[in-house]
Protein backbone atom coordinates (compact mmCIF):
# COMPACT_ATOMS: atom_id res chain seq x y z
CA MET A 1 -6.64 -10.16 -26.37
CA ARG A 2 -8.91 -7.91 -24.33
CA GLN A 3 -12.58 -8.79 -24.47
CA PRO A 4 -14.87 -6.39 -26.40
CA LEU A 5 -17.36 -4.31 -24.46
CA PRO A 6 -20.16 -6.61 -23.24
CA ALA A 7 -22.89 -4.09 -24.08
CA ARG A 8 -23.59 -0.60 -25.36
CA PRO A 9 -25.59 2.06 -23.52
CA GLY A 10 -29.23 1.90 -24.53
CA THR A 11 -29.28 -1.90 -24.90
CA HIS A 12 -32.23 -3.63 -23.23
CA ILE A 13 -31.32 -6.35 -20.75
CA SER A 14 -33.15 -8.92 -22.87
CA MET A 15 -30.64 -8.32 -25.68
CA LEU A 16 -27.51 -8.87 -23.58
CA ASP A 17 -25.30 -11.84 -24.36
CA THR A 18 -24.79 -14.19 -21.43
CA PRO A 19 -23.28 -14.88 -19.02
CA CYS A 20 -23.07 -11.21 -18.05
CA LEU A 21 -22.27 -9.43 -14.76
CA ILE A 22 -25.00 -6.85 -14.27
CA LEU A 23 -24.97 -4.00 -11.78
CA ASP A 24 -28.25 -2.42 -10.70
CA LEU A 25 -27.30 1.26 -10.59
CA ASP A 26 -30.35 2.29 -8.55
CA ALA A 27 -29.48 -0.30 -5.88
CA LEU A 28 -25.80 0.68 -5.95
CA GLU A 29 -26.60 4.36 -5.44
CA HIS A 30 -29.10 3.55 -2.70
CA ASN A 31 -26.49 1.57 -0.75
CA ILE A 32 -23.82 4.25 -1.18
CA ASN A 33 -26.15 7.05 -0.11
CA TYR A 34 -27.56 5.09 2.83
CA LEU A 35 -24.20 4.66 4.54
CA ALA A 36 -22.97 8.11 3.50
CA THR A 37 -25.96 9.62 5.32
CA TYR A 38 -25.55 7.25 8.27
CA TYR A 39 -21.94 8.34 8.89
CA LYS A 40 -21.99 11.93 7.63
CA ASP A 41 -22.65 13.60 11.00
CA SER A 42 -20.82 11.03 13.11
CA ASP A 43 -17.36 11.13 14.67
CA CYS A 44 -16.90 7.65 13.23
CA LYS A 45 -16.53 7.55 9.45
CA LEU A 46 -16.65 4.95 6.69
CA ARG A 47 -13.51 3.66 4.99
CA PRO A 48 -14.82 1.77 1.93
CA HIS A 49 -13.15 -1.57 1.30
CA VAL A 50 -12.43 -1.84 -2.41
CA LYS A 51 -11.82 -5.60 -2.42
CA ASN A 52 -15.57 -6.02 -2.80
CA HIS A 53 -16.06 -4.03 -6.01
CA ARG A 54 -12.47 -3.51 -7.30
CA SER A 55 -13.44 -0.42 -9.27
CA PRO A 56 -11.88 3.07 -8.91
CA ASP A 57 -15.02 4.56 -10.46
CA ILE A 58 -17.18 3.08 -7.70
CA ALA A 59 -14.62 4.04 -5.04
CA TRP A 60 -14.90 7.66 -6.16
CA MET A 61 -18.70 7.42 -6.02
CA GLN A 62 -18.36 6.34 -2.38
CA LEU A 63 -15.94 9.12 -1.44
CA ARG A 64 -17.92 11.85 -3.20
CA ALA A 65 -21.13 10.77 -1.42
CA GLY A 66 -19.58 11.76 1.92
CA GLY A 67 -19.42 10.22 5.35
CA THR A 68 -15.97 8.72 4.67
CA VAL A 69 -12.39 9.29 5.82
CA ASN A 70 -11.62 10.46 2.25
CA GLY A 71 -9.72 7.26 1.69
CA VAL A 72 -10.25 3.55 1.14
CA CYS A 73 -8.82 0.25 2.30
CA ALA A 74 -7.55 -2.57 0.13
CA SER A 75 -6.35 -6.12 0.66
CA LYS A 76 -3.32 -6.15 -1.63
CA VAL A 77 -0.60 -3.74 -2.75
CA SER A 78 -1.52 -4.25 -6.41
CA GLU A 79 -5.16 -3.49 -5.58
CA ALA A 80 -4.07 -0.33 -3.77
CA ALA A 81 -1.91 0.70 -6.73
CA VAL A 82 -4.97 0.76 -9.00
CA MET A 83 -6.73 3.10 -6.58
CA VAL A 84 -3.70 5.38 -6.21
CA GLN A 85 -3.34 5.58 -9.99
CA ALA A 86 -6.96 6.75 -10.09
CA GLY A 87 -6.17 9.58 -7.67
CA ILE A 88 -7.53 8.10 -4.41
CA PRO A 89 -5.68 10.20 -1.77
CA GLN A 90 -5.28 7.61 1.02
CA VAL A 91 -5.20 3.82 1.10
CA LEU A 92 -5.01 1.55 4.14
CA ILE A 93 -3.82 -1.94 3.24
CA ALA A 94 -5.67 -4.00 5.81
CA ASN A 95 -3.22 -6.84 5.48
CA GLN A 96 0.41 -7.69 6.12
CA VAL A 97 2.90 -6.84 3.35
CA ILE A 98 5.89 -9.13 3.75
CA THR A 99 7.87 -9.84 0.56
CA LYS A 100 10.56 -7.41 -0.59
CA ALA A 101 8.95 -6.82 -3.99
CA LYS A 102 5.63 -5.84 -2.39
CA ILE A 103 7.31 -3.66 0.25
CA ASP A 104 9.25 -1.79 -2.43
CA ARG A 105 6.09 -1.25 -4.45
CA LEU A 106 4.24 -0.08 -1.35
CA CYS A 107 6.97 2.46 -0.63
CA SER A 108 6.80 3.75 -4.20
CA LEU A 109 3.08 4.41 -3.74
CA CYS A 110 3.92 6.69 -0.78
CA ARG A 111 5.08 9.30 -3.30
CA SER A 112 1.55 9.59 -4.68
CA ALA A 113 -0.76 8.92 -1.74
CA ASP A 114 -0.95 8.65 2.04
CA MET A 115 -0.26 4.94 2.49
CA ILE A 116 -0.94 2.96 5.68
CA VAL A 117 -0.30 -0.74 6.21
CA ALA A 118 -1.26 -3.25 8.90
CA VAL A 119 1.41 -5.10 10.88
CA ASP A 120 1.43 -7.78 13.56
CA ASN A 121 5.12 -8.63 14.10
CA GLU A 122 8.42 -6.87 14.80
CA GLN A 123 10.33 -8.28 11.83
CA ASN A 124 7.81 -6.79 9.43
CA VAL A 125 8.09 -3.40 11.14
CA HIS A 126 11.88 -3.58 10.79
CA ASP A 127 11.68 -4.48 7.08
CA LEU A 128 9.12 -1.76 6.33
CA ASP A 129 11.21 0.86 8.16
CA GLU A 130 14.37 -0.14 6.33
CA ALA A 131 12.64 0.03 2.94
CA ALA A 132 10.89 3.35 3.67
CA GLN A 133 14.19 4.95 4.63
CA SER A 134 15.85 3.53 1.52
CA HIS A 135 13.09 4.98 -0.66
CA GLY A 136 13.13 8.30 1.18
CA VAL A 137 9.44 8.10 2.11
CA ASN A 138 7.32 7.84 5.24
CA LEU A 139 4.87 4.97 5.64
CA GLY A 140 1.93 4.84 8.05
CA ILE A 141 1.71 1.84 10.36
CA ILE A 142 -1.40 0.42 12.00
CA LEU A 143 -1.47 -2.56 14.34
CA GLU A 144 -3.84 -5.40 13.47
CA ILE A 145 -5.47 -6.87 16.59
CA ASP A 146 -6.96 -10.37 16.49
CA THR A 147 -10.36 -10.11 18.13
CA ASN A 148 -12.33 -13.17 17.01
CA ILE A 149 -11.45 -14.05 13.41
CA HIS A 150 -8.32 -16.01 14.44
CA ARG A 151 -6.41 -15.16 11.30
CA SER A 152 -3.62 -12.59 11.36
CA GLY A 153 -3.29 -10.13 14.22
CA ILE A 154 -1.58 -9.41 17.52
CA GLN A 155 -2.58 -11.86 20.24
CA SER A 156 -1.88 -9.94 23.46
CA THR A 157 -2.13 -6.39 24.76
CA GLN A 158 1.52 -6.36 25.78
CA ASP A 159 2.58 -7.39 22.28
CA ALA A 160 0.54 -4.50 20.90
CA ILE A 161 2.27 -2.03 23.23
CA ASN A 162 5.68 -3.40 22.28
CA LEU A 163 4.94 -3.17 18.57
CA ALA A 164 3.53 0.36 18.89
CA ARG A 165 6.77 1.35 20.62
CA LYS A 166 8.91 -0.18 17.87
CA ALA A 167 6.88 1.49 15.12
CA SER A 168 7.01 4.86 16.91
CA GLN A 169 10.80 4.65 17.15
CA ALA A 170 11.27 3.81 13.45
CA GLN A 171 12.58 6.74 11.39
CA GLY A 172 10.79 5.75 8.16
CA LEU A 173 7.44 4.96 9.77
CA THR A 174 4.64 6.81 11.52
CA PHE A 175 2.52 4.95 14.06
CA ARG A 176 -1.11 5.75 13.18
CA GLY A 177 -3.22 3.45 15.38
CA ILE A 178 -4.90 0.05 15.47
CA MET A 179 -7.41 -2.00 13.50
CA SER A 180 -9.32 -5.25 13.83
CA HIS A 181 -11.54 -7.30 11.60
CA GLN A 182 -14.36 -9.33 13.11
CA SER A 183 -16.42 -12.27 11.89
CA ILE A 184 -19.96 -13.24 12.81
CA ASP A 185 -21.26 -16.68 13.71
CA PRO A 186 -23.87 -17.38 10.98
CA SER A 187 -26.25 -18.71 13.64
CA LYS A 188 -26.26 -15.24 15.26
CA ALA A 189 -26.42 -13.18 12.09
CA GLY A 190 -30.17 -13.25 11.61
CA ASP A 191 -31.05 -12.09 15.12
CA ARG A 192 -30.44 -8.35 15.51
CA ASN A 193 -29.72 -8.50 19.26
CA ASP A 194 -27.35 -11.48 18.93
CA ARG A 195 -25.54 -9.82 16.05
CA GLN A 196 -25.16 -6.50 17.83
CA ASN A 197 -24.03 -8.13 21.08
CA GLU A 198 -21.35 -10.07 19.21
CA ALA A 199 -20.21 -6.86 17.53
CA LYS A 200 -20.09 -4.96 20.82
CA TRP A 201 -17.92 -7.68 22.39
CA THR A 202 -15.35 -7.76 19.59
CA ILE A 203 -15.19 -3.98 19.23
CA LYS A 204 -14.76 -3.58 22.99
CA HIS A 205 -11.75 -5.90 22.85
CA CYS A 206 -10.18 -3.69 20.19
CA LEU A 207 -10.91 -0.56 22.21
CA ASP A 208 -9.42 -2.12 25.35
CA VAL A 209 -6.16 -2.67 23.46
CA LYS A 210 -6.34 0.88 22.09
CA ASP A 211 -6.66 2.27 25.64
CA ALA A 212 -3.66 0.26 26.81
CA VAL A 213 -1.54 1.41 23.87
CA GLU A 214 -2.47 5.04 24.43
CA ASN A 215 -1.87 4.79 28.20
CA SER A 216 1.63 3.59 27.35
CA GLY A 217 2.29 6.81 25.47
CA PHE A 218 1.35 5.98 21.89
CA PRO A 219 -1.68 7.98 20.63
CA CYS A 220 -3.98 6.21 18.18
CA GLU A 221 -5.09 8.63 15.48
CA ILE A 222 -6.93 5.77 13.76
CA VAL A 223 -9.08 3.10 15.38
CA SER A 224 -10.41 1.12 12.44
CA THR A 225 -12.79 -1.62 13.54
CA GLY A 226 -16.16 -2.85 12.39
CA GLU A 227 -17.43 -3.82 8.96
CA THR A 228 -20.75 -4.16 7.16
CA TRP A 229 -22.28 -6.62 9.62
CA SER A 230 -21.41 -4.36 12.58
CA TYR A 231 -21.86 -0.96 10.92
CA ASP A 232 -24.72 0.02 13.23
CA VAL A 233 -22.69 -0.80 16.36
CA ALA A 234 -19.30 0.64 15.41
CA ARG A 235 -20.67 4.13 14.73
CA ASP A 236 -21.88 4.50 18.30
CA SER A 237 -18.83 2.91 19.96
CA VAL A 238 -16.92 5.79 21.55
CA GLY A 239 -13.31 5.67 20.45
CA VAL A 240 -13.86 4.05 17.04
CA THR A 241 -12.82 6.47 14.29
CA GLU A 242 -13.76 4.41 11.24
CA ILE A 243 -15.22 1.16 9.94
CA GLN A 244 -14.05 -0.87 6.95
CA GLY A 245 -17.32 -1.32 5.07
CA GLY A 246 -17.25 -3.49 1.96
CA SER A 247 -20.13 -5.90 1.49
CA TYR A 248 -22.83 -3.24 1.85
CA ILE A 249 -21.94 -1.75 -1.53
CA THR A 250 -23.63 -4.43 -3.63
CA LYS A 251 -24.90 -6.89 -0.98
CA ASP A 252 -24.79 -10.66 -1.41
CA SER A 253 -27.08 -13.40 -0.17
CA SER A 254 -24.97 -13.96 2.96
CA HIS A 255 -26.04 -10.49 4.15
CA TYR A 256 -29.74 -11.30 3.89
CA PHE A 257 -30.31 -9.90 7.40
CA PHE A 258 -29.87 -6.29 6.23
CA PRO A 259 -33.10 -5.20 4.48
CA GLU A 260 -31.79 -1.63 4.42
CA PHE A 261 -29.30 -2.62 1.71
CA GLN A 262 -30.32 -3.69 -1.77
CA GLN A 263 -28.99 -6.46 -3.99
CA ALA A 264 -26.98 -4.72 -6.70
CA ILE A 265 -24.95 -7.35 -8.57
CA LYS A 266 -26.23 -10.47 -10.26
CA VAL A 267 -25.07 -12.76 -13.02
CA LEU A 268 -27.42 -12.83 -15.98
CA GLY A 269 -27.69 -16.19 -17.73
CA THR A 270 -29.74 -18.05 -20.34
CA ILE A 271 -31.40 -21.45 -20.14
CA VAL A 272 -29.69 -23.59 -22.78
CA SER A 273 -31.38 -26.94 -22.19
CA THR A 274 -34.28 -28.64 -20.40
CA PRO A 275 -33.13 -32.23 -20.92
CA ARG A 276 -35.25 -33.90 -18.28
CA SER A 277 -38.46 -33.29 -16.39
CA LYS A 278 -38.10 -30.63 -13.68
CA THR A 279 -34.51 -29.87 -14.72
CA ALA A 280 -33.10 -26.80 -16.46
CA ILE A 281 -29.52 -26.10 -17.54
CA GLY A 282 -28.14 -22.56 -17.65
CA ASP A 283 -24.97 -21.11 -19.17
CA ILE A 284 -23.46 -19.69 -15.93
CA GLY A 285 -20.65 -21.92 -14.70
CA VAL A 286 -18.25 -21.62 -11.80
CA LYS A 287 -15.91 -19.68 -14.10
CA ALA A 288 -18.51 -16.90 -14.19
CA ALA A 289 -19.92 -17.18 -10.64
CA THR A 290 -18.79 -18.75 -7.35
CA LEU A 291 -19.75 -21.45 -4.87
CA ILE A 292 -17.89 -19.86 -1.95
CA LYS A 293 -20.19 -19.66 1.11
CA GLY A 294 -22.88 -21.67 -0.69
CA VAL A 295 -24.74 -22.17 -3.94
CA PRO A 296 -26.25 -19.08 -5.60
CA GLU A 297 -29.93 -18.22 -5.43
CA VAL A 298 -32.16 -17.70 -8.48
CA GLU A 299 -33.53 -14.17 -8.35
CA GLY A 300 -37.34 -14.05 -8.44
CA HIS A 301 -37.75 -17.84 -8.52
CA PRO A 302 -37.79 -19.10 -4.91
CA ASN A 303 -38.93 -22.57 -5.98
CA VAL A 304 -36.01 -23.06 -8.37
CA THR A 305 -32.83 -24.38 -6.76
CA VAL A 306 -29.26 -24.34 -8.01
CA THR A 307 -28.02 -27.92 -7.59
CA THR A 308 -24.44 -26.99 -8.47
CA LEU A 309 -22.28 -25.04 -10.88
CA GLN A 310 -20.06 -26.94 -13.27
CA ALA A 311 -17.32 -25.25 -15.30
CA GLU A 312 -19.69 -23.70 -17.85
CA HIS A 313 -23.16 -24.80 -16.71
CA THR A 314 -25.78 -24.13 -14.05
CA LEU A 315 -27.73 -27.18 -12.93
CA LEU A 316 -31.20 -26.10 -11.81
CA GLU A 317 -33.90 -28.09 -10.09
CA ASP A 318 -37.12 -26.63 -11.50
CA PRO A 319 -40.02 -28.52 -9.89
CA ASN A 320 -42.74 -26.39 -11.50
CA GLU A 321 -40.93 -26.24 -14.85
CA GLU A 322 -40.86 -22.44 -14.82
CA PHE A 323 -38.06 -22.19 -17.37
CA LYS A 324 -37.88 -23.01 -21.07
CA VAL A 325 -34.91 -22.89 -23.44
CA GLY A 326 -33.97 -19.30 -24.24
CA ASP A 327 -35.32 -17.80 -21.01
CA GLN A 328 -33.04 -15.49 -19.07
CA PHE A 329 -32.39 -15.93 -15.34
CA GLN A 330 -30.31 -14.15 -12.71
CA LEU A 331 -28.09 -15.63 -10.00
CA VAL A 332 -27.31 -13.99 -6.66
CA VAL A 333 -24.11 -15.33 -5.09
CA ALA A 334 -23.13 -15.55 -1.43
CA MET A 335 -19.71 -13.88 -1.77
CA GLN A 336 -19.55 -10.87 -4.02
CA ASP A 337 -15.77 -10.22 -4.02
CA ALA A 338 -15.03 -13.73 -5.31
CA LEU A 339 -17.63 -13.16 -8.03
CA VAL A 340 -16.38 -9.73 -9.11
CA ASN A 341 -12.81 -10.98 -9.43
CA ARG A 342 -13.95 -13.19 -12.33
CA TRP A 343 -15.04 -10.27 -14.51
CA ASP A 344 -13.45 -7.37 -16.43
CA ARG A 345 -16.49 -5.07 -16.39
CA TYR A 346 -19.87 -4.40 -14.86
CA VAL A 347 -22.81 -3.76 -17.15
CA GLY A 348 -24.64 -0.97 -15.34
CA ILE A 349 -28.42 -1.31 -15.68
CA ARG A 350 -31.20 1.12 -14.85
CA ASN A 351 -34.84 0.25 -15.55
CA ASN A 352 -33.65 -2.82 -17.49
CA VAL A 353 -31.60 -0.72 -19.91
CA VAL A 354 -27.82 -0.46 -20.07
CA GLU A 355 -26.70 2.98 -18.88
CA ARG A 356 -22.94 2.53 -18.59
CA VAL A 357 -20.16 -0.04 -18.53
CA ILE A 358 -17.80 0.18 -15.53
CA GLU A 359 -14.26 -1.19 -15.60
CA ILE A 360 -13.24 -3.58 -12.82
CA ALA A 361 -9.71 -2.27 -12.99
CA ALA A 362 -8.41 -4.13 -9.91
CA ARG A 363 -9.67 -7.51 -11.11
CA GLY A 364 -7.00 -10.19 -10.76
CA ARG A 365 -4.74 -8.06 -8.53
CA HIS A 366 -3.55 -10.76 -6.17
CA ASN A 367 -0.09 -9.45 -5.15
């Protein structure tokens, strides 16, 4: 049975039942407009990554604000399908699609949108080509280059050239370019120069591969590299056509080093018990939040520490005994996409009043 709406427009935040996923609409719009303005007059554009918010409504807000490639990227075929069903004109799946069921579904989406998928091996290119021809569609192909994340991705320049050649020769495919996804050493994240130097190094590696591929006769229409933590480097890197920005949209505590973005999503909870001195228990458990990348922070209460999250409870160390039973509190997590995937809807708040409820239509789309 589908859950009832968590709130009605006009409801004050103090009247919301908890736990509740709240979305600060002013902060959301600020973040969207900031990057839209940043990329609007640049040769490099933003491709919003929908894995972070999983909402077609928010994806359309990003595209309508400008500064984008008029398309998004997704992590999964099922996630992409939600966006295509909502009318998004182009989706890049920044991931490998391997199983036959997923490949067939991907090809079916080509009838409704411009679909592009990342590859890093010849067998996958062969399978995608065979399926695209069988479905009578054309599928865009982009090579994933491993720069520093050491996950998926092509390991050598020669392998990239060989794969570009194979994709270009495939009748059901169109070679579109290359992409890479970088990570940042947390010890370098807080220092602007260290962060930017790390970004420049990884992006240069991607561009070096791009140059080699193009010099071998395979033009790269798309060079998709960079993400939120390198957004201010990628734009000014000649040859980069787009970045895959995701985390900027609502910001989490792991992106503390970007004051230009505002915290937009939090989990609203209620203190249900103060059983011992300097201890408070809240009603937000790991089912409603996440411990990935670290324990959440308590918004507005720097002296209160989350000890851990149990299934249905927050354990808080409250040295100054700031909380009493019935008080509301808000948690800020370190990884927003893991948080959002636990919820069906956002409760959109402006000036502490519910303005709208937004469906998280791609929640739970893991395939």
